[in-house]
């Protein structure tokens, strides 16, 4: 079974255009990711969420990275999601420190033994290492409220009392 990473740019191109002037370095986007496996796209947007691939609240993916293949079953993956669900909730979400990319990385490592690309997982520390990154952190922190709101109703019900979307068949 193939495992693919869908990559979305939450800034819709603004980060690429404005980052040299604002940060003193080029960044390609403000990345949101989801893992596509077993015919569904799984992502963390304030809870573990699931949708048909490419139909998340974040629009169409800007990039797709084939991570590899998995020998895990869908049942094993759902058991994994249940086991990590208490660490990926609305209350634990943080755009810089515990975000969708951390979730995608953990899923990717469980499914394939490989993490997601470094340019995605290292972006928060790269941005925050700049003086402007520290200055704009409060604005970006406020963006996470929008991410949380967009994900309401898409959380997968893992049988743990959280989420409203049914388990995938």
Protein backbone atom coordinates (compact mmCIF):
# COMPACT_ATOMS: atom_id res chain seq x y z
CA UNK A 1 0.00 0.00 0.00
CA UNK A 2 1.41 3.37 -1.04
CA UNK A 3 1.94 6.17 1.50
CA UNK A 4 1.87 9.72 0.14
CA UNK A 5 2.35 13.07 1.84
CA UNK A 6 0.05 15.88 0.69
CA UNK A 7 1.61 19.32 1.20
CA UNK A 8 -0.46 22.53 1.39
CA UNK A 9 0.74 26.13 1.71
CA UNK A 10 -1.35 27.86 4.38
CA UNK A 11 0.03 31.23 3.24
CA UNK A 12 -1.17 30.61 -0.34
CA UNK A 13 2.15 31.83 -1.76
CA UNK A 14 2.63 34.84 0.51
CA UNK A 15 5.43 33.23 2.55
CA UNK A 16 7.49 32.61 -0.58
CA UNK A 17 6.98 36.17 -1.81
CA UNK A 18 7.48 37.98 1.49
CA UNK A 19 9.98 35.82 3.39
CA UNK A 20 13.19 37.29 1.90
CA UNK A 21 12.20 40.80 2.98
CA UNK A 22 10.67 39.78 6.32
CA UNK A 23 12.97 36.97 7.45
CA UNK A 24 16.13 37.61 5.49
CA UNK A 25 15.82 34.13 3.98
CA UNK A 26 13.58 32.38 1.49
CA UNK A 27 10.97 29.91 2.70
CA UNK A 28 8.70 28.15 0.28
CA UNK A 29 5.50 28.28 2.29
CA UNK A 30 3.82 27.72 5.63
CA UNK A 31 3.31 24.01 5.28
CA UNK A 32 0.33 21.90 6.30
CA UNK A 33 0.55 18.18 5.58
CA UNK A 34 -1.62 15.11 5.53
CA UNK A 35 -0.78 11.43 5.10
CA UNK A 36 -2.66 9.60 2.36
CA UNK A 37 -3.00 5.87 2.92
CA UNK A 38 -5.78 3.29 2.56
CA UNK A 39 -7.75 5.69 0.34
CA UNK A 40 -8.05 8.44 2.98
CA UNK A 41 -6.11 11.54 4.03
CA UNK A 42 -5.25 11.80 7.72
CA UNK A 43 -4.09 15.08 9.26
CA UNK A 44 -3.88 16.94 12.53
CA UNK A 45 -5.81 20.17 12.65
CA UNK A 46 -6.55 20.45 16.35
CA UNK A 47 -7.57 16.78 16.47
CA UNK A 48 -6.91 13.77 14.27
CA UNK A 49 -8.93 14.39 11.13
CA UNK A 50 -9.76 12.34 8.04
CA UNK A 51 -11.15 13.20 4.62
CA UNK A 52 -11.09 11.91 1.08
CA UNK A 53 -7.63 12.72 -0.34
CA UNK A 54 -7.35 16.32 -1.54
CA UNK A 55 -10.71 17.39 -0.09
CA UNK A 56 -9.51 18.74 3.26
CA UNK A 57 -10.36 22.30 4.31
CA UNK A 58 -6.93 23.34 2.99
CA UNK A 59 -7.83 23.03 -0.70
CA UNK A 60 -5.81 21.11 -3.25
CA UNK A 61 -2.32 19.96 -2.32
CA UNK A 62 0.51 22.07 -3.70
CA UNK A 63 2.85 19.06 -3.70
CA UNK A 64 2.61 15.32 -3.26
CA UNK A 65 5.58 13.31 -1.97
CA UNK A 66 5.47 9.53 -2.25
CA UNK A 67 7.01 8.47 1.07
CA UNK A 68 7.05 4.76 0.31
CA UNK A 69 4.90 1.75 0.91
CA UNK A 70 3.61 0.10 4.05
CA UNK A 71 3.10 -3.48 5.07
CA UNK A 72 0.81 -2.33 7.91
CA UNK A 73 -2.91 -3.04 7.65
CA UNK A 74 -5.59 -0.38 7.95
CA UNK A 75 -6.54 -1.96 11.29
CA UNK A 76 -2.97 -1.58 12.55
CA UNK A 77 -2.93 2.04 11.41
CA UNK A 78 -6.24 2.79 13.14
CA UNK A 79 -4.89 1.17 16.32
CA UNK A 80 -1.82 3.43 16.00
CA UNK A 81 -4.08 6.48 15.60
CA UNK A 82 -6.00 5.46 18.72
CA UNK A 83 -2.72 5.08 20.63
CA UNK A 84 -1.56 8.62 19.77
CA UNK A 85 -4.95 10.34 19.82
CA UNK A 86 -4.52 11.74 23.35
CA UNK A 87 -1.36 13.58 22.17
CA UNK A 88 -3.03 15.06 19.08
CA UNK A 89 -6.04 17.04 20.34
CA UNK A 90 -7.33 20.58 20.06
CA UNK A 91 -5.70 21.31 23.40
CA UNK A 92 -2.25 20.02 22.40
CA UNK A 93 -2.09 21.70 18.98
CA UNK A 94 0.65 24.32 18.58
CA UNK A 95 1.60 25.67 15.17
CA UNK A 96 5.30 25.85 16.04
CA UNK A 97 5.87 22.92 18.39
CA UNK A 98 3.18 20.25 17.94
CA UNK A 99 1.48 20.57 14.59
CA UNK A 100 0.15 18.73 11.56
CA UNK A 101 3.68 18.12 10.30
CA UNK A 102 4.69 16.41 13.55
CA UNK A 103 1.59 14.22 13.21
CA UNK A 104 2.35 13.41 9.57
CA UNK A 105 5.95 12.61 10.52
CA UNK A 106 4.86 10.17 13.24
CA UNK A 107 2.36 8.52 10.90
CA UNK A 108 4.97 8.26 8.15
CA UNK A 109 7.51 6.72 10.52
CA UNK A 110 4.92 4.20 11.79
CA UNK A 111 3.82 3.25 8.27
CA UNK A 112 7.13 3.29 6.38
CA UNK A 113 9.98 3.77 8.85
CA UNK A 114 10.79 7.09 7.11
CA UNK A 115 10.02 10.64 8.20
CA UNK A 116 8.63 13.46 6.10
CA UNK A 117 11.02 15.84 4.28
CA UNK A 118 13.26 18.02 6.47
CA UNK A 119 12.23 21.25 4.70
CA UNK A 120 8.76 20.73 6.18
CA UNK A 121 9.51 19.40 9.65
CA UNK A 122 12.28 21.96 10.31
CA UNK A 123 10.38 25.03 9.07
CA UNK A 124 9.16 26.29 12.48
CA UNK A 125 12.65 26.32 14.00
CA UNK A 126 14.05 27.88 10.83
CA UNK A 127 11.55 30.74 10.98
CA UNK A 128 11.85 31.24 14.74
CA UNK A 129 15.64 31.40 14.47
CA UNK A 130 15.30 34.80 12.80
CA UNK A 131 14.68 38.04 14.66
CA UNK A 132 11.62 38.74 12.53
CA UNK A 133 10.38 35.21 13.24
CA UNK A 134 10.34 36.07 16.92
CA UNK A 135 8.50 39.32 16.17
CA UNK A 136 5.79 37.72 14.00
CA UNK A 137 5.24 34.74 16.28
CA UNK A 138 2.21 36.36 17.99
CA UNK A 139 0.52 36.90 14.58
CA UNK A 140 1.21 33.33 13.51
CA UNK A 141 0.01 32.03 16.87
CA UNK A 142 -3.34 33.68 16.13
CA UNK A 143 -3.51 31.84 12.77
CA UNK A 144 -3.70 28.55 14.61
CA UNK A 145 -7.16 29.46 15.83
CA UNK A 146 -8.30 29.50 12.20
CA UNK A 147 -6.70 26.11 11.59
CA UNK A 148 -8.52 24.67 14.58
CA UNK A 149 -11.85 26.15 13.45
CA UNK A 150 -11.43 24.76 9.90
CA UNK A 151 -10.93 21.25 11.29
CA UNK A 152 -14.06 21.10 13.44
CA UNK A 153 -16.26 18.30 12.19
CA UNK A 154 -13.45 16.48 10.38
CA UNK A 155 -11.91 14.72 13.39
CA UNK A 156 -12.00 10.95 13.04
CA UNK A 157 -13.99 9.06 15.65
CA UNK A 158 -11.49 6.55 17.02
CA UNK A 159 -13.90 5.17 19.59
CA UNK A 160 -12.35 7.30 22.32
CA UNK A 161 -15.16 9.85 22.71
CA UNK A 162 -13.48 12.39 20.41
CA UNK A 163 -14.19 13.19 16.79
CA UNK A 164 -17.27 13.23 14.67
CA UNK A 165 -16.21 11.73 11.35
CA UNK A 166 -16.87 7.98 11.10
CA UNK A 167 -14.04 5.51 10.91
CA UNK A 168 -13.05 4.82 7.31
CA UNK A 169 -14.22 1.51 5.88
